[in-house]
Amino acid sequence: MIKMELKEAKYLGGIGAVLNLVSYAVGGILAIAGYVLILLALNKISKIFNDDEVFKKYLYGVVLWIIAVLIVIFAVGISFVSLSFIPLDYGLTAMSSFLVGVILFYILSVIGGYFIKKSYEKVSYYTGVDSFRICGLLYFIGTLLLIVIVGIIVIIVAQILEIVAYFSLPDDLKSEN
């Protein structure tokens, strides 16, 4: 019988998930710290279960989300600068750059949500904590629904469930291997 310790991953992931949720009120730096802690937790889980995909898929998802946010910030900035310095008849260019940015944001967010869903499905499979599977599904559905704004609420629910999922992890698992 092999004993696999999950206690460290449980607390790293749980605290990281709390930081992500609190970042809406406090600021983006907490979100970065939260994602780093979750990535550390998933790296530990990947090593425990000898499956790099758990870590890699979540990492891909987060990187895509970061790129999506940077693109939309850049597009909004370009649009405002264009509208400020370019005659009004060129406003269409500013609007089109904004729309391209929003479309790219949406596409990258959905793909990122899909990767996070896949990562959490694996965590659920290995640990037996079904909250991870549901959390991943809600992240994906939330990113799909971002286009109608309701997705933000679904993502917040996913983040709350993510906290529950991490703190529901057992301190250790026993395997027959």
N, C-alpha and C. Protein backbone atom coordinates (compact mmCIF):
# COMPACT_ATOMS: atom_id res chain seq x y z
N MET A 1 0.84 -1.18 0.00
CA MET A 1 0.00 0.00 0.00
C MET A 1 0.90 1.25 0.00
N ILE A 2 0.62 2.17 -0.92
CA ILE A 2 1.39 3.40 -1.05
C ILE A 2 0.56 4.56 -0.51
N LYS A 3 1.18 5.39 0.32
CA LYS A 3 0.50 6.57 0.86
C LYS A 3 0.96 7.79 0.07
N MET A 4 0.00 8.54 -0.47
CA MET A 4 0.31 9.73 -1.27
C MET A 4 -0.17 10.97 -0.52
N GLU A 5 0.75 11.86 -0.20
CA GLU A 5 0.41 13.06 0.57
C GLU A 5 -0.10 14.18 -0.31
N LEU A 6 -1.30 14.64 -0.02
CA LEU A 6 -1.92 15.73 -0.76
C LEU A 6 -2.07 17.00 0.08
N LYS A 7 -1.64 16.93 1.33
CA LYS A 7 -1.88 18.04 2.26
C LYS A 7 -1.33 19.37 1.74
N GLU A 8 -0.10 19.35 1.26
CA GLU A 8 0.51 20.59 0.77
C GLU A 8 -0.24 21.13 -0.45
N ALA A 9 -0.59 20.25 -1.37
CA ALA A 9 -1.36 20.67 -2.56
C ALA A 9 -2.72 21.21 -2.15
N LYS A 10 -3.32 20.60 -1.16
CA LYS A 10 -4.63 21.03 -0.66
C LYS A 10 -4.58 22.48 -0.20
N TYR A 11 -3.59 22.82 0.61
CA TYR A 11 -3.51 24.18 1.15
C TYR A 11 -3.01 25.19 0.13
N LEU A 12 -2.04 24.80 -0.69
CA LEU A 12 -1.58 25.71 -1.75
C LEU A 12 -2.72 26.06 -2.70
N GLY A 13 -3.42 25.04 -3.17
CA GLY A 13 -4.53 25.26 -4.09
C GLY A 13 -5.68 26.01 -3.45
N GLY A 14 -6.00 25.66 -2.22
CA GLY A 14 -7.10 26.32 -1.52
C GLY A 14 -6.84 27.79 -1.29
N ILE A 15 -5.64 28.11 -0.83
CA ILE A 15 -5.28 29.52 -0.60
C ILE A 15 -5.21 30.25 -1.93
N GLY A 16 -4.65 29.61 -2.95
CA GLY A 16 -4.61 30.23 -4.28
C GLY A 16 -5.99 30.53 -4.81
N ALA A 17 -6.92 29.61 -4.62
CA ALA A 17 -8.30 29.82 -5.09
C ALA A 17 -8.97 30.96 -4.33
N VAL A 18 -8.70 31.06 -3.03
CA VAL A 18 -9.24 32.17 -2.23
C VAL A 18 -8.68 33.49 -2.75
N LEU A 19 -7.38 33.54 -3.01
CA LEU A 19 -6.76 34.77 -3.52
C LEU A 19 -7.38 35.17 -4.86
N ASN A 20 -7.64 34.20 -5.73
CA ASN A 20 -8.27 34.51 -7.02
C ASN A 20 -9.63 35.15 -6.82
N LEU A 21 -10.41 34.61 -5.91
CA LEU A 21 -11.76 35.14 -5.68
C LEU A 21 -11.70 36.54 -5.06
N VAL A 22 -10.80 36.74 -4.11
CA VAL A 22 -10.67 38.04 -3.44
C VAL A 22 -10.11 39.10 -4.38
N SER A 23 -9.39 38.68 -5.41
CA SER A 23 -8.75 39.63 -6.32
C SER A 23 -9.74 40.55 -7.03
N TYR A 24 -11.00 40.14 -7.14
CA TYR A 24 -12.01 41.01 -7.76
C TYR A 24 -12.16 42.30 -6.96
N ALA A 25 -12.06 42.20 -5.64
CA ALA A 25 -12.25 43.36 -4.78
C ALA A 25 -10.95 44.11 -4.51
N VAL A 26 -9.84 43.39 -4.48
CA VAL A 26 -8.57 43.98 -4.05
C VAL A 26 -7.66 44.36 -5.21
N GLY A 27 -7.59 43.53 -6.23
CA GLY A 27 -6.72 43.85 -7.36
C GLY A 27 -6.09 42.63 -7.99
N GLY A 28 -5.59 42.83 -9.19
CA GLY A 28 -5.06 41.77 -10.02
C GLY A 28 -3.82 41.08 -9.51
N ILE A 29 -3.03 41.75 -8.67
CA ILE A 29 -1.81 41.13 -8.15
C ILE A 29 -2.16 39.88 -7.36
N LEU A 30 -3.26 39.93 -6.61
CA LEU A 30 -3.68 38.75 -5.85
C LEU A 30 -4.04 37.59 -6.78
N ALA A 31 -4.62 37.90 -7.93
CA ALA A 31 -4.96 36.85 -8.89
C ALA A 31 -3.70 36.16 -9.39
N ILE A 32 -2.67 36.93 -9.66
CA ILE A 32 -1.41 36.34 -10.12
C ILE A 32 -0.84 35.42 -9.04
N ALA A 33 -0.83 35.90 -7.80
CA ALA A 33 -0.35 35.08 -6.68
C ALA A 33 -1.21 33.83 -6.54
N GLY A 34 -2.52 33.99 -6.70
CA GLY A 34 -3.44 32.85 -6.61
C GLY A 34 -3.16 31.80 -7.67
N TYR A 35 -2.97 32.25 -8.91
CA TYR A 35 -2.69 31.30 -9.98
C TYR A 35 -1.35 30.60 -9.77
N VAL A 36 -0.37 31.31 -9.25
CA VAL A 36 0.93 30.69 -8.98
C VAL A 36 0.76 29.59 -7.93
N LEU A 37 0.01 29.87 -6.86
CA LEU A 37 -0.20 28.86 -5.82
C LEU A 37 -0.97 27.65 -6.36
N ILE A 38 -1.98 27.91 -7.19
CA ILE A 38 -2.73 26.79 -7.78
C ILE A 38 -1.82 25.97 -8.70
N LEU A 39 -0.98 26.65 -9.46
CA LEU A 39 -0.05 25.92 -10.33
C LEU A 39 0.93 25.08 -9.51
N LEU A 40 1.39 25.60 -8.39
CA LEU A 40 2.26 24.82 -7.51
C LEU A 40 1.52 23.59 -6.98
N ALA A 41 0.26 23.79 -6.59
CA ALA A 41 -0.55 22.66 -6.09
C ALA A 41 -0.74 21.61 -7.18
N LEU A 42 -1.06 22.06 -8.38
CA LEU A 42 -1.28 21.11 -9.48
C LEU A 42 0.01 20.43 -9.91
N ASN A 43 1.13 21.12 -9.77
CA ASN A 43 2.42 20.50 -10.05
C ASN A 43 2.66 19.35 -9.07
N LYS A 44 2.34 19.57 -7.80
CA LYS A 44 2.49 18.51 -6.81
C LYS A 44 1.56 17.33 -7.12
N ILE A 45 0.31 17.65 -7.46
CA ILE A 45 -0.65 16.60 -7.80
C ILE A 45 -0.18 15.84 -9.04
N SER A 46 0.36 16.56 -10.02
CA SER A 46 0.90 15.91 -11.23
C SER A 46 2.00 14.92 -10.89
N LYS A 47 2.88 15.32 -9.98
CA LYS A 47 3.98 14.44 -9.59
C LYS A 47 3.49 13.24 -8.78
N ILE A 48 2.53 13.49 -7.89
CA ILE A 48 2.00 12.39 -7.08
C ILE A 48 1.39 11.30 -7.96
N PHE A 49 0.62 11.73 -8.97
CA PHE A 49 -0.08 10.77 -9.82
C PHE A 49 0.66 10.49 -11.13
N ASN A 50 1.87 11.04 -11.25
CA ASN A 50 2.73 10.81 -12.41
C ASN A 50 2.00 11.11 -13.73
N ASP A 51 1.35 12.29 -13.77
CA ASP A 51 0.61 12.71 -14.97
C ASP A 51 0.84 14.21 -15.17
N ASP A 52 1.79 14.54 -16.05
CA ASP A 52 2.12 15.94 -16.31
C ASP A 52 0.96 16.74 -16.89
N GLU A 53 -0.01 16.06 -17.50
CA GLU A 53 -1.13 16.75 -18.14
C GLU A 53 -1.95 17.55 -17.13
N VAL A 54 -2.02 17.10 -15.89
CA VAL A 54 -2.77 17.83 -14.86
C VAL A 54 -2.23 19.25 -14.75
N PHE A 55 -0.92 19.37 -14.65
CA PHE A 55 -0.27 20.68 -14.53
C PHE A 55 -0.27 21.43 -15.85
N LYS A 56 0.14 20.75 -16.92
CA LYS A 56 0.29 21.42 -18.21
C LYS A 56 -1.01 22.01 -18.74
N LYS A 57 -2.09 21.27 -18.63
CA LYS A 57 -3.37 21.77 -19.16
C LYS A 57 -3.82 23.02 -18.39
N TYR A 58 -3.66 23.02 -17.08
CA TYR A 58 -4.03 24.21 -16.31
C TYR A 58 -3.12 25.38 -16.68
N LEU A 59 -1.83 25.10 -16.82
CA LEU A 59 -0.88 26.15 -17.21
C LEU A 59 -1.26 26.74 -18.56
N TYR A 60 -1.57 25.90 -19.54
CA TYR A 60 -1.99 26.41 -20.85
C TYR A 60 -3.22 27.30 -20.71
N GLY A 61 -4.17 26.86 -19.90
CA GLY A 61 -5.39 27.63 -19.70
C GLY A 61 -5.12 29.00 -19.12
N VAL A 62 -4.29 29.05 -18.09
CA VAL A 62 -3.97 30.32 -17.43
C VAL A 62 -3.19 31.23 -18.38
N VAL A 63 -2.23 30.68 -19.09
CA VAL A 63 -1.45 31.49 -20.04
C VAL A 63 -2.37 32.08 -21.12
N LEU A 64 -3.29 31.28 -21.62
CA LEU A 64 -4.24 31.79 -22.62
C LEU A 64 -5.12 32.89 -22.04
N TRP A 65 -5.54 32.73 -20.78
CA TRP A 65 -6.35 33.77 -20.14
C TRP A 65 -5.56 35.06 -19.97
N ILE A 66 -4.29 34.94 -19.59
CA ILE A 66 -3.45 36.14 -19.43
C ILE A 66 -3.27 36.84 -20.78
N ILE A 67 -2.99 36.07 -21.81
CA ILE A 67 -2.84 36.65 -23.15
C ILE A 67 -4.14 37.32 -23.58
N ALA A 68 -5.28 36.68 -23.30
CA ALA A 68 -6.59 37.25 -23.66
C ALA A 68 -6.81 38.59 -22.97
N VAL A 69 -6.49 38.67 -21.69
CA VAL A 69 -6.65 39.93 -20.95
C VAL A 69 -5.72 41.00 -21.50
N LEU A 70 -4.48 40.64 -21.79
CA LEU A 70 -3.54 41.61 -22.35
C LEU A 70 -4.01 42.12 -23.71
N ILE A 71 -4.55 41.23 -24.52
CA ILE A 71 -5.06 41.64 -25.84
C ILE A 71 -6.21 42.62 -25.70
N VAL A 72 -7.15 42.33 -24.82
CA VAL A 72 -8.30 43.23 -24.69
C VAL A 72 -7.87 44.57 -24.09
N ILE A 73 -6.93 44.58 -23.17
CA ILE A 73 -6.41 45.84 -22.62
C ILE A 73 -5.74 46.64 -23.73
N PHE A 74 -4.92 45.98 -24.53
CA PHE A 74 -4.24 46.63 -25.65
C PHE A 74 -5.26 47.18 -26.65
N ALA A 75 -6.27 46.39 -26.99
CA ALA A 75 -7.28 46.82 -27.96
C ALA A 75 -8.07 48.02 -27.45
N VAL A 76 -8.43 48.01 -26.18
CA VAL A 76 -9.15 49.15 -25.60
C VAL A 76 -8.25 50.38 -25.61
N GLY A 77 -6.99 50.21 -25.24
CA GLY A 77 -6.05 51.33 -25.26
C GLY A 77 -5.87 51.91 -26.64
N ILE A 78 -5.68 51.05 -27.62
CA ILE A 78 -5.53 51.51 -29.02
C ILE A 78 -6.79 52.24 -29.47
N SER A 79 -7.94 51.72 -29.10
CA SER A 79 -9.21 52.35 -29.50
C SER A 79 -9.33 53.75 -28.92
N PHE A 80 -9.03 53.90 -27.64
CA PHE A 80 -9.13 55.22 -27.01
C PHE A 80 -8.12 56.20 -27.58
N VAL A 81 -6.90 55.73 -27.80
CA VAL A 81 -5.88 56.60 -28.38
C VAL A 81 -6.28 57.00 -29.79
N SER A 82 -6.77 56.04 -30.56
CA SER A 82 -7.21 56.34 -31.93
C SER A 82 -8.33 57.36 -31.95
N LEU A 83 -9.28 57.21 -31.07
CA LEU A 83 -10.41 58.15 -31.03
C LEU A 83 -9.98 59.54 -30.57
N SER A 84 -8.93 59.59 -29.76
CA SER A 84 -8.46 60.88 -29.24
C SER A 84 -7.68 61.69 -30.27
N PHE A 85 -6.93 61.02 -31.11
CA PHE A 85 -6.01 61.73 -32.00
C PHE A 85 -6.36 61.67 -33.49
N ILE A 86 -7.31 60.86 -33.85
CA ILE A 86 -7.64 60.67 -35.26
C ILE A 86 -8.99 61.33 -35.52
N PRO A 87 -9.14 61.97 -36.67
CA PRO A 87 -10.44 62.60 -36.99
C PRO A 87 -11.59 61.59 -36.89
N LEU A 88 -12.77 62.10 -36.64
CA LEU A 88 -13.95 61.29 -36.37
C LEU A 88 -14.27 60.29 -37.47
N ASP A 89 -13.99 60.62 -38.72
CA ASP A 89 -14.31 59.68 -39.80
C ASP A 89 -13.44 58.42 -39.77
N TYR A 90 -12.38 58.44 -38.97
CA TYR A 90 -11.55 57.25 -38.80
C TYR A 90 -11.95 56.45 -37.56
N GLY A 91 -13.03 56.87 -36.92
CA GLY A 91 -13.50 56.18 -35.71
C GLY A 91 -13.81 54.72 -35.95
N LEU A 92 -14.14 54.38 -37.19
CA LEU A 92 -14.44 53.00 -37.53
C LEU A 92 -13.21 52.11 -37.31
N THR A 93 -12.03 52.65 -37.59
CA THR A 93 -10.80 51.90 -37.37
C THR A 93 -10.63 51.60 -35.89
N ALA A 94 -10.90 52.58 -35.05
CA ALA A 94 -10.80 52.38 -33.61
C ALA A 94 -11.79 51.32 -33.15
N MET A 95 -13.00 51.39 -33.67
CA MET A 95 -14.03 50.43 -33.29
C MET A 95 -13.67 49.03 -33.77
N SER A 96 -13.12 48.93 -34.97
CA SER A 96 -12.76 47.61 -35.49
C SER A 96 -11.61 47.00 -34.69
N SER A 97 -10.64 47.81 -34.26
CA SER A 97 -9.55 47.26 -33.44
C SER A 97 -10.10 46.80 -32.09
N PHE A 98 -11.07 47.52 -31.56
CA PHE A 98 -11.70 47.12 -30.30
C PHE A 98 -12.44 45.78 -30.49
N LEU A 99 -13.20 45.67 -31.57
CA LEU A 99 -13.95 44.44 -31.82
C LEU A 99 -13.04 43.24 -32.05
N VAL A 100 -11.95 43.44 -32.78
CA VAL A 100 -10.99 42.36 -32.99
C VAL A 100 -10.40 41.92 -31.65
N GLY A 101 -10.07 42.88 -30.80
CA GLY A 101 -9.55 42.56 -29.47
C GLY A 101 -10.54 41.77 -28.63
N VAL A 102 -11.80 42.17 -28.67
CA VAL A 102 -12.84 41.47 -27.90
C VAL A 102 -13.05 40.06 -28.44
N ILE A 103 -13.04 39.91 -29.75
CA ILE A 103 -13.21 38.58 -30.35
C ILE A 103 -12.04 37.67 -29.98
N LEU A 104 -10.82 38.20 -30.07
CA LEU A 104 -9.65 37.40 -29.68
C LEU A 104 -9.70 37.04 -28.20
N PHE A 105 -10.11 38.00 -27.37
CA PHE A 105 -10.26 37.76 -25.94
C PHE A 105 -11.23 36.59 -25.71
N TYR A 106 -12.35 36.64 -26.38
CA TYR A 106 -13.37 35.60 -26.20
C TYR A 106 -12.84 34.23 -26.63
N ILE A 107 -12.24 34.16 -27.80
CA ILE A 107 -11.74 32.88 -28.32
C ILE A 107 -10.67 32.29 -27.39
N LEU A 108 -9.70 33.12 -26.99
CA LEU A 108 -8.64 32.63 -26.11
C LEU A 108 -9.18 32.24 -24.74
N SER A 109 -10.16 32.99 -24.24
CA SER A 109 -10.77 32.66 -22.95
C SER A 109 -11.47 31.31 -22.99
N VAL A 110 -12.20 31.06 -24.05
CA VAL A 110 -12.91 29.78 -24.18
C VAL A 110 -11.91 28.62 -24.27
N ILE A 111 -10.87 28.79 -25.07
CA ILE A 111 -9.86 27.73 -25.18
C ILE A 111 -9.17 27.52 -23.83
N GLY A 112 -8.85 28.61 -23.14
CA GLY A 112 -8.25 28.51 -21.81
C GLY A 112 -9.18 27.80 -20.83
N GLY A 113 -10.46 28.13 -20.88
CA GLY A 113 -11.44 27.47 -20.02
C GLY A 113 -11.53 25.98 -20.30
N TYR A 114 -11.40 25.61 -21.56
CA TYR A 114 -11.42 24.20 -21.94
C TYR A 114 -10.22 23.46 -21.33
N PHE A 115 -9.04 24.06 -21.40
CA PHE A 115 -7.85 23.43 -20.82
C PHE A 115 -7.99 23.27 -19.30
N ILE A 116 -8.53 24.28 -18.65
CA ILE A 116 -8.72 24.19 -17.20
C ILE A 116 -9.73 23.09 -16.87
N LYS A 117 -10.77 22.99 -17.66
CA LYS A 117 -11.77 21.92 -17.49
C LYS A 117 -11.08 20.56 -17.58
N LYS A 118 -10.24 20.37 -18.58
CA LYS A 118 -9.56 19.09 -18.77
C LYS A 118 -8.62 18.78 -17.60
N SER A 119 -7.92 19.79 -17.11
CA SER A 119 -7.03 19.60 -15.97
C SER A 119 -7.82 19.15 -14.74
N TYR A 120 -8.90 19.85 -14.46
CA TYR A 120 -9.68 19.53 -13.26
C TYR A 120 -10.43 18.21 -13.39
N GLU A 121 -10.74 17.78 -14.61
CA GLU A 121 -11.33 16.45 -14.79
C GLU A 121 -10.33 15.38 -14.34
N LYS A 122 -9.06 15.59 -14.68
CA LYS A 122 -8.03 14.63 -14.28
C LYS A 122 -7.83 14.64 -12.76
N VAL A 123 -7.83 15.84 -12.16
CA VAL A 123 -7.68 15.92 -10.71
C VAL A 123 -8.83 15.18 -10.03
N SER A 124 -10.03 15.38 -10.53
CA SER A 124 -11.21 14.70 -9.98
C SER A 124 -11.07 13.18 -10.11
N TYR A 125 -10.61 12.74 -11.26
CA TYR A 125 -10.43 11.30 -11.50
C TYR A 125 -9.44 10.70 -10.50
N TYR A 126 -8.30 11.37 -10.32
CA TYR A 126 -7.25 10.82 -9.47
C TYR A 126 -7.58 10.90 -7.98
N THR A 127 -8.25 11.97 -7.57
CA THR A 127 -8.48 12.19 -6.14
C THR A 127 -9.85 11.73 -5.66
N GLY A 128 -10.78 11.56 -6.59
CA GLY A 128 -12.13 11.19 -6.20
C GLY A 128 -12.97 12.36 -5.71
N VAL A 129 -12.44 13.59 -5.82
CA VAL A 129 -13.17 14.79 -5.40
C VAL A 129 -13.91 15.33 -6.63
N ASP A 130 -15.20 15.03 -6.72
CA ASP A 130 -16.00 15.39 -7.89
C ASP A 130 -16.17 16.89 -8.06
N SER A 131 -15.97 17.65 -6.99
CA SER A 131 -16.08 19.11 -7.08
C SER A 131 -15.12 19.68 -8.11
N PHE A 132 -13.98 19.04 -8.30
CA PHE A 132 -13.03 19.52 -9.31
C PHE A 132 -13.62 19.41 -10.72
N ARG A 133 -14.28 18.30 -11.00
CA ARG A 133 -14.89 18.10 -12.32
C ARG A 133 -15.96 19.15 -12.57
N ILE A 134 -16.80 19.37 -11.58
CA ILE A 134 -17.87 20.36 -11.72
C ILE A 134 -17.30 21.77 -11.85
N CYS A 135 -16.27 22.05 -11.06
CA CYS A 135 -15.60 23.36 -11.13
C CYS A 135 -15.03 23.60 -12.53
N GLY A 136 -14.35 22.61 -13.08
CA GLY A 136 -13.79 22.74 -14.43
C GLY A 136 -14.88 22.96 -15.46
N LEU A 137 -15.97 22.23 -15.33
CA LEU A 137 -17.10 22.40 -16.25
C LEU A 137 -17.68 23.81 -16.15
N LEU A 138 -17.82 24.31 -14.92
CA LEU A 138 -18.35 25.67 -14.73
C LEU A 138 -17.40 26.72 -15.30
N TYR A 139 -16.09 26.52 -15.16
CA TYR A 139 -15.14 27.45 -15.77
C TYR A 139 -15.36 27.50 -17.29
N PHE A 140 -15.49 26.33 -17.89
CA PHE A 140 -15.67 26.27 -19.34
C PHE A 140 -17.00 26.91 -19.76
N ILE A 141 -18.07 26.55 -19.07
CA ILE A 141 -19.38 27.15 -19.38
C ILE A 141 -19.33 28.66 -19.16
N GLY A 142 -18.66 29.08 -18.09
CA GLY A 142 -18.54 30.51 -17.81
C GLY A 142 -17.83 31.26 -18.92
N THR A 143 -16.76 30.67 -19.45
CA THR A 143 -16.06 31.35 -20.55
C THR A 143 -16.91 31.36 -21.81
N LEU A 144 -17.67 30.30 -22.04
CA LEU A 144 -18.58 30.30 -23.19
C LEU A 144 -19.63 31.40 -23.06
N LEU A 145 -20.09 31.64 -21.85
CA LEU A 145 -21.15 32.62 -21.61
C LEU A 145 -20.63 34.04 -21.39
N LEU A 146 -19.32 34.23 -21.45
CA LEU A 146 -18.78 35.59 -21.29
C LEU A 146 -19.36 36.55 -22.31
N ILE A 147 -19.69 36.05 -23.46
CA ILE A 147 -20.21 36.87 -24.55
C ILE A 147 -21.52 37.55 -24.14
N VAL A 148 -22.26 36.95 -23.22
CA VAL A 148 -23.51 37.55 -22.75
C VAL A 148 -23.40 38.00 -21.29
N ILE A 149 -22.22 38.24 -20.82
CA ILE A 149 -21.90 38.76 -19.50
C ILE A 149 -22.25 37.80 -18.34
N VAL A 150 -23.25 36.95 -18.50
CA VAL A 150 -23.64 36.01 -17.45
C VAL A 150 -22.47 35.11 -17.07
N GLY A 151 -21.55 34.92 -17.99
CA GLY A 151 -20.40 34.06 -17.75
C GLY A 151 -19.58 34.48 -16.55
N ILE A 152 -19.54 35.77 -16.27
CA ILE A 152 -18.77 36.25 -15.11
C ILE A 152 -19.33 35.64 -13.83
N ILE A 153 -20.65 35.59 -13.72
CA ILE A 153 -21.28 35.01 -12.53
C ILE A 153 -20.96 33.52 -12.44
N VAL A 154 -21.01 32.83 -13.57
CA VAL A 154 -20.71 31.39 -13.59
C VAL A 154 -19.25 31.16 -13.20
N ILE A 155 -18.35 32.00 -13.65
CA ILE A 155 -16.94 31.87 -13.30
C ILE A 155 -16.73 32.12 -11.80
N ILE A 156 -17.45 33.07 -11.24
CA ILE A 156 -17.35 33.32 -9.79
C ILE A 156 -17.85 32.10 -9.01
N VAL A 157 -18.93 31.49 -9.48
CA VAL A 157 -19.42 30.25 -8.84
C VAL A 157 -18.36 29.16 -8.97
N ALA A 158 -17.71 29.06 -10.13
CA ALA A 158 -16.64 28.08 -10.32
C ALA A 158 -15.50 28.33 -9.34
N GLN A 159 -15.18 29.60 -9.12
CA GLN A 159 -14.09 29.91 -8.19
C GLN A 159 -14.45 29.54 -6.75
N ILE A 160 -15.70 29.75 -6.38
CA ILE A 160 -16.14 29.35 -5.04
C ILE A 160 -16.06 27.83 -4.90
N LEU A 161 -16.52 27.12 -5.92
CA LEU A 161 -16.45 25.66 -5.90
C LEU A 161 -15.00 25.17 -5.93
N GLU A 162 -14.13 25.92 -6.58
CA GLU A 162 -12.70 25.58 -6.61
C GLU A 162 -12.12 25.59 -5.19
N ILE A 163 -12.51 26.59 -4.41
CA ILE A 163 -12.07 26.66 -3.01
C ILE A 163 -12.55 25.42 -2.26
N VAL A 164 -13.82 25.10 -2.43
CA VAL A 164 -14.40 23.92 -1.77
C VAL A 164 -13.67 22.66 -2.21
N ALA A 165 -13.39 22.55 -3.51
CA ALA A 165 -12.73 21.36 -4.04
C ALA A 165 -11.34 21.17 -3.42
N TYR A 166 -10.55 22.23 -3.39
CA TYR A 166 -9.20 22.08 -2.82
C TYR A 166 -9.25 21.72 -1.35
N PHE A 167 -10.11 22.39 -0.59
CA PHE A 167 -10.17 22.10 0.83
C PHE A 167 -10.89 20.78 1.12
N SER A 168 -11.49 20.16 0.10
CA SER A 168 -12.10 18.83 0.25
C SER A 168 -11.10 17.71 -0.02
N LEU A 169 -9.93 18.07 -0.55
CA LEU A 169 -8.91 17.04 -0.78
C LEU A 169 -8.53 16.38 0.54
N PRO A 170 -8.37 15.08 0.53
CA PRO A 170 -7.87 14.43 1.75
C PRO A 170 -6.39 14.80 1.95
N ASP A 171 -5.94 14.72 3.19
CA ASP A 171 -4.52 15.01 3.45
C ASP A 171 -3.62 14.00 2.76
N ASP A 172 -4.09 12.76 2.68
CA ASP A 172 -3.34 11.75 1.94
C ASP A 172 -4.30 10.68 1.41
N LEU A 173 -3.86 10.04 0.34
CA LEU A 173 -4.60 8.94 -0.28
C LEU A 173 -3.76 7.68 -0.18
N LYS A 174 -4.43 6.56 -0.11
CA LYS A 174 -3.71 5.29 -0.10
C LYS A 174 -4.00 4.56 -1.41
N SER A 175 -2.96 3.99 -1.99
CA SER A 175 -3.09 3.27 -3.25
C SER A 175 -2.63 1.83 -3.07
N GLU A 176 -3.25 0.94 -3.80
CA GLU A 176 -2.90 -0.48 -3.73
C GLU A 176 -1.67 -0.82 -4.57
N ASN A 177 -1.16 0.14 -5.36
CA ASN A 177 -0.04 -0.13 -6.27
C ASN A 177 1.17 -0.59 -5.55
